[in-house]
Amino acid sequence: MKSGLLTGAMTRERIAKRPEDDFRQRTISFKEPLLTRNLIWSNCCAKSATAGRTPGEVALAWTLRRPEVTGAIVGLRSPKQVDGVIGAADFRLSGAEVEEIAGFLRENTPES
């Protein structure tokens, strides 16, 4: 779940408060400009989470719907984290939901 970024639990403030020895402080996904892009993606998934779905389930469903993706590896650190993604196994986004997420990302992803 991208080291917590796609769970909906990470915010810029929470990331800033992480201890200096937290591995995420050294990870490119937690440095600009990727941090902003990843937080936008997480927010988009949270906004699209419907019918009791979590942002993680939306992120997985969106990823697995892409034609170039044949599978996704989800790393979890505890059994409790399974609850945030297990529903993605039987959840399918509608075409409109996929386009909404894609459009949001196109409009809000910083240019390199």
Protein backbone atom coordinates (compact mmCIF):
# COMPACT_ATOMS: atom_id res chain seq x y z
CA MET A 1 0.00 0.00 0.00
CA LYS A 2 2.91 2.24 -0.83
CA SER A 3 4.21 2.32 2.76
CA GLY A 4 0.91 3.67 4.03
CA LEU A 5 0.37 6.33 1.35
CA LEU A 6 -2.57 4.53 -0.27
CA THR A 7 -4.37 3.66 2.95
CA GLY A 8 -5.85 7.11 3.45
CA ALA A 9 -4.13 7.36 6.83
CA MET A 10 -1.07 9.35 5.73
CA THR A 11 -1.14 13.12 5.61
CA ARG A 12 1.62 15.62 4.97
CA GLU A 13 1.54 16.51 8.69
CA ARG A 14 1.75 12.87 9.81
CA ILE A 15 4.65 12.27 7.46
CA ALA A 16 6.47 15.36 8.76
CA LYS A 17 6.13 14.05 12.33
CA ARG A 18 7.69 10.66 11.55
CA PRO A 19 10.97 10.05 13.37
CA GLU A 20 14.13 10.68 11.38
CA ASP A 21 15.01 6.98 11.52
CA ASP A 22 11.68 6.00 9.88
CA PHE A 23 12.58 4.35 6.55
CA ARG A 24 10.00 6.49 4.75
CA GLN A 25 12.14 9.58 5.33
CA ARG A 26 14.63 8.08 2.85
CA THR A 27 12.10 6.76 0.33
CA ILE A 28 11.59 8.59 -2.97
CA SER A 29 7.81 8.19 -2.70
CA PHE A 30 7.91 10.41 0.38
CA LYS A 31 9.99 13.16 -1.25
CA GLU A 32 8.82 15.90 -3.60
CA PRO A 33 7.52 15.92 -6.26
CA LEU A 34 6.36 12.32 -5.77
CA LEU A 35 5.01 12.99 -2.28
CA THR A 36 2.49 15.51 -3.59
CA ARG A 37 1.46 13.19 -6.42
CA ASN A 38 1.04 10.25 -4.04
CA LEU A 39 -1.01 12.26 -1.56
CA ILE A 40 -3.24 13.48 -4.41
CA TRP A 41 -3.72 9.88 -5.55
CA SER A 42 -4.59 8.81 -2.00
CA ASN A 43 -7.07 11.69 -1.62
CA CYS A 44 -8.63 10.78 -4.95
CA CYS A 45 -9.09 7.18 -3.81
CA ALA A 46 -10.61 8.36 -0.54
CA LYS A 47 -13.05 10.61 -2.41
CA SER A 48 -13.98 7.73 -4.71
CA ALA A 49 -14.43 5.24 -1.88
CA THR A 50 -18.09 4.35 -1.96
CA ALA A 51 -20.33 1.70 -0.46
CA GLY A 52 -18.09 1.27 2.58
CA ARG A 53 -14.92 0.73 0.55
CA THR A 54 -11.56 1.91 1.85
CA PRO A 55 -9.11 4.06 -0.13
CA GLY A 56 -6.85 0.99 -0.33
CA GLU A 57 -9.60 -1.07 -1.93
CA VAL A 58 -10.27 1.69 -4.45
CA ALA A 59 -6.55 1.99 -5.26
CA LEU A 60 -6.26 -1.76 -5.83
CA ALA A 61 -9.44 -1.95 -7.87
CA TRP A 62 -8.26 0.97 -10.05
CA THR A 63 -4.82 -0.59 -10.50
CA LEU A 64 -6.19 -4.03 -11.37
CA ARG A 65 -8.62 -2.57 -13.90
CA ARG A 66 -5.77 -1.16 -15.99
CA PRO A 67 -5.16 -3.36 -19.05
CA GLU A 68 -1.37 -3.36 -18.65
CA VAL A 69 -1.62 -4.74 -15.09
CA THR A 70 -2.03 -8.46 -14.58
CA GLY A 71 -1.64 -8.56 -10.79
CA ALA A 72 -0.77 -6.54 -7.71
CA ILE A 73 1.45 -7.39 -4.78
CA VAL A 74 0.09 -5.94 -1.56
CA GLY A 75 2.49 -5.76 1.35
CA LEU A 76 0.93 -5.81 4.78
CA ARG A 77 2.69 -5.59 8.11
CA SER A 78 -0.06 -6.94 10.33
CA PRO A 79 -3.20 -9.08 10.05
CA LYS A 80 -5.32 -6.01 10.89
CA GLN A 81 -4.18 -4.31 7.66
CA VAL A 82 -5.91 -7.02 5.63
CA ASP A 83 -9.24 -5.40 6.52
CA GLY A 84 -8.31 -2.29 4.54
CA VAL A 85 -7.75 -4.14 1.26
CA ILE A 86 -9.51 -7.51 1.26
CA GLY A 87 -12.65 -6.11 -0.31
CA ALA A 88 -10.71 -5.24 -3.46
CA ALA A 89 -10.80 -8.93 -4.41
CA ASP A 90 -14.47 -8.67 -5.39
CA PHE A 91 -14.82 -4.93 -6.00
CA ARG A 92 -14.96 -3.48 -9.50
CA LEU A 93 -15.01 0.21 -10.30
CA SER A 94 -17.45 1.40 -12.92
CA GLY A 95 -16.15 3.02 -16.09
CA ALA A 96 -17.29 6.39 -14.75
CA GLU A 97 -15.37 5.87 -11.49
CA VAL A 98 -12.23 4.87 -13.39
CA GLU A 99 -12.49 7.98 -15.55
CA GLU A 100 -13.12 10.18 -12.52
CA ILE A 101 -9.92 8.95 -10.88
CA ALA A 102 -7.92 9.19 -14.12
CA GLY A 103 -9.20 12.71 -14.74
CA PHE A 104 -8.41 13.78 -11.19
CA LEU A 105 -4.86 12.46 -11.55
CA ARG A 106 -4.39 14.15 -14.95
CA GLU A 107 -5.51 17.48 -13.54
CA ASN A 108 -3.64 17.30 -10.25
CA THR A 109 -0.37 15.52 -10.92
CA PRO A 110 2.57 17.93 -10.87
CA GLU A 111 4.55 18.04 -14.09
CA SER A 112 8.08 16.64 -13.93
